[in-house]
């Protein structure tokens, strides 16, 4: 997957994760970073634990969902480490 694809998938996944997790956002660049790192984390989890061959294969729904799941997991861990609420009301 090319760098532009990673950025687009990361932007979508980071934005979705920010909306689901609520709380203070990280801005456009922060959402992209969270989404791309979430894509890496989600891709690792999908390939290692679920034996998916190429989980991040372009700009498509499975890639976005995997990156979204990884981004949400990443946000949960970061907020646990920083002491912020995981889910705000």
C-alpha atoms as a PDB file:
ATOM      1  CA  UNK A   1       0.000   0.000   0.000  1.00  0.00           C
ATOM      2  CA  UNK A   2       1.439   3.367  -1.006  1.00  0.00           C
ATOM      3  CA  UNK A   3       2.029   6.307   1.298  1.00  0.00           C
ATOM      4  CA  UNK A   4      -0.953   8.217  -0.097  1.00  0.00           C
ATOM      5  CA  UNK A   5      -3.196   5.226   0.621  1.00  0.00           C
ATOM      6  CA  UNK A   6      -1.857   5.029   4.190  1.00  0.00           C
ATOM      7  CA  UNK A   7      -2.598   8.726   4.687  1.00  0.00           C
ATOM      8  CA  UNK A   8      -6.141   8.480   3.287  1.00  0.00           C
ATOM      9  CA  UNK A   9      -6.967   5.329   5.278  1.00  0.00           C
ATOM     10  CA  UNK A  10      -5.301   6.847   8.356  1.00  0.00           C
ATOM     11  CA  UNK A  11      -7.293  10.059   8.034  1.00  0.00           C
ATOM     12  CA  UNK A  12     -10.583   8.184   7.758  1.00  0.00           C
ATOM     13  CA  UNK A  13      -9.763   5.715  10.545  1.00  0.00           C
ATOM     14  CA  UNK A  14      -8.370   8.401  12.865  1.00  0.00           C
ATOM     15  CA  UNK A  15     -11.384  10.640  12.341  1.00  0.00           C
ATOM     16  CA  UNK A  16     -13.802   7.759  12.979  1.00  0.00           C
ATOM     17  CA  UNK A  17     -11.890   6.669  16.087  1.00  0.00           C
ATOM     18  CA  UNK A  18     -11.900  10.244  17.390  1.00  0.00           C
ATOM     19  CA  UNK A  19     -15.679  10.442  16.913  1.00  0.00           C
ATOM     20  CA  UNK A  20     -16.314   7.099  18.609  1.00  0.00           C
ATOM     21  CA  UNK A  21     -13.930   7.708  21.500  1.00  0.00           C
ATOM     22  CA  UNK A  22     -15.030  11.348  22.031  1.00  0.00           C
ATOM     23  CA  UNK A  23     -12.936  13.551  24.301  1.00  0.00           C
ATOM     24  CA  UNK A  24     -10.379  16.119  23.186  1.00  0.00           C
ATOM     25  CA  UNK A  25      -9.369  15.587  19.588  1.00  0.00           C
ATOM     26  CA  UNK A  26      -5.865  15.608  18.191  1.00  0.00           C
ATOM     27  CA  UNK A  27      -6.553  17.762  15.134  1.00  0.00           C
ATOM     28  CA  UNK A  28      -6.139  16.801  11.491  1.00  0.00           C
ATOM     29  CA  UNK A  29      -2.466  15.787  11.693  1.00  0.00           C
ATOM     30  CA  UNK A  30      -3.019  13.988  14.998  1.00  0.00           C
ATOM     31  CA  UNK A  31      -5.958  12.062  13.551  1.00  0.00           C
ATOM     32  CA  UNK A  32      -3.842  11.015  10.570  1.00  0.00           C
ATOM     33  CA  UNK A  33      -1.018   9.875  12.857  1.00  0.00           C
ATOM     34  CA  UNK A  34      -3.419   7.971  15.131  1.00  0.00           C
ATOM     35  CA  UNK A  35      -5.088   6.397  12.096  1.00  0.00           C
ATOM     36  CA  UNK A  36      -1.822   5.356  10.427  1.00  0.00           C
ATOM     37  CA  UNK A  37      -0.423   3.951  13.680  1.00  0.00           C
ATOM     38  CA  UNK A  38      -3.786   2.272  14.254  1.00  0.00           C
ATOM     39  CA  UNK A  39      -3.536   0.791  10.769  1.00  0.00           C
ATOM     40  CA  UNK A  40      -0.112  -0.623  11.578  1.00  0.00           C
ATOM     41  CA  UNK A  41      -1.358  -1.995  14.903  1.00  0.00           C
ATOM     42  CA  UNK A  42      -4.574  -3.334  13.383  1.00  0.00           C
ATOM     43  CA  UNK A  43      -2.680  -4.834  10.444  1.00  0.00           C
ATOM     44  CA  UNK A  44      -0.275  -6.579  12.802  1.00  0.00           C
ATOM     45  CA  UNK A  45      -3.108  -7.960  14.931  1.00  0.00           C
ATOM     46  CA  UNK A  46      -5.089  -9.090  11.862  1.00  0.00           C
ATOM     47  CA  UNK A  47      -2.126 -10.836  10.258  1.00  0.00           C
ATOM     48  CA  UNK A  48      -0.620 -12.334  13.417  1.00  0.00           C
ATOM     49  CA  UNK A  49      -3.722 -13.455  15.305  1.00  0.00           C
ATOM     50  CA  UNK A  50      -6.207 -13.990  12.468  1.00  0.00           C
ATOM     51  CA  UNK A  51      -3.797 -15.173   9.733  1.00  0.00           C
ATOM     52  CA  UNK A  52      -4.957 -12.557   7.217  1.00  0.00           C
ATOM     53  CA  UNK A  53      -2.521 -12.451   4.303  1.00  0.00           C
ATOM     54  CA  UNK A  54      -2.555  -8.740   3.459  1.00  0.00           C
ATOM     55  CA  UNK A  55      -4.979  -6.978   5.813  1.00  0.00           C
ATOM     56  CA  UNK A  56      -4.066  -3.452   4.650  1.00  0.00           C
ATOM     57  CA  UNK A  57      -4.473  -3.750   0.888  1.00  0.00           C
ATOM     58  CA  UNK A  58      -5.504  -0.274  -0.245  1.00  0.00           C
ATOM     59  CA  UNK A  59      -8.334   2.177   0.220  1.00  0.00           C
ATOM     60  CA  UNK A  60     -11.222  -0.189   0.856  1.00  0.00           C
ATOM     61  CA  UNK A  61     -13.665  -1.022   3.635  1.00  0.00           C
ATOM     62  CA  UNK A  62     -11.689  -3.909   5.205  1.00  0.00           C
ATOM     63  CA  UNK A  63      -8.541  -1.755   5.412  1.00  0.00           C
ATOM     64  CA  UNK A  64     -10.474   1.134   6.949  1.00  0.00           C
ATOM     65  CA  UNK A  65     -12.141  -1.170   9.488  1.00  0.00           C
ATOM     66  CA  UNK A  66      -8.822  -2.752  10.466  1.00  0.00           C
ATOM     67  CA  UNK A  67      -7.179   0.668  10.817  1.00  0.00           C
ATOM     68  CA  UNK A  68     -10.209   1.933  12.761  1.00  0.00           C
ATOM     69  CA  UNK A  69     -10.011  -0.981  15.203  1.00  0.00           C
ATOM     70  CA  UNK A  70      -6.307  -0.426  15.674  1.00  0.00           C
ATOM     71  CA  UNK A  71      -6.816   3.327  16.162  1.00  0.00           C
ATOM     72  CA  UNK A  72      -9.510   2.755  18.808  1.00  0.00           C
ATOM     73  CA  UNK A  73      -7.249   0.273  20.601  1.00  0.00           C
ATOM     74  CA  UNK A  74      -4.367   2.735  20.386  1.00  0.00           C
ATOM     75  CA  UNK A  75      -6.522   5.559  21.802  1.00  0.00           C
ATOM     76  CA  UNK A  76      -7.686   3.350  24.683  1.00  0.00           C
ATOM     77  CA  UNK A  77      -4.087   2.492  25.595  1.00  0.00           C
ATOM     78  CA  UNK A  78      -2.874   6.100  25.264  1.00  0.00           C
ATOM     79  CA  UNK A  79      -5.714   7.423  27.386  1.00  0.00           C
ATOM     80  CA  UNK A  80      -5.117   4.747  30.018  1.00  0.00           C
ATOM     81  CA  UNK A  81      -1.438   5.700  30.182  1.00  0.00           C
ATOM     82  CA  UNK A  82      -2.097   9.445  30.311  1.00  0.00           C
ATOM     83  CA  UNK A  83      -4.932   9.184  32.815  1.00  0.00           C
ATOM     84  CA  UNK A  84      -7.609  10.633  30.543  1.00  0.00           C
ATOM     85  CA  UNK A  85     -11.047   9.103  30.476  1.00  0.00           C
ATOM     86  CA  UNK A  86     -11.372   6.272  28.005  1.00  0.00           C
ATOM     87  CA  UNK A  87     -15.017   6.982  27.183  1.00  0.00           C
ATOM     88  CA  UNK A  88     -16.412  10.416  27.974  1.00  0.00           C
ATOM     89  CA  UNK A  89     -20.091  11.028  28.536  1.00  0.00           C
END
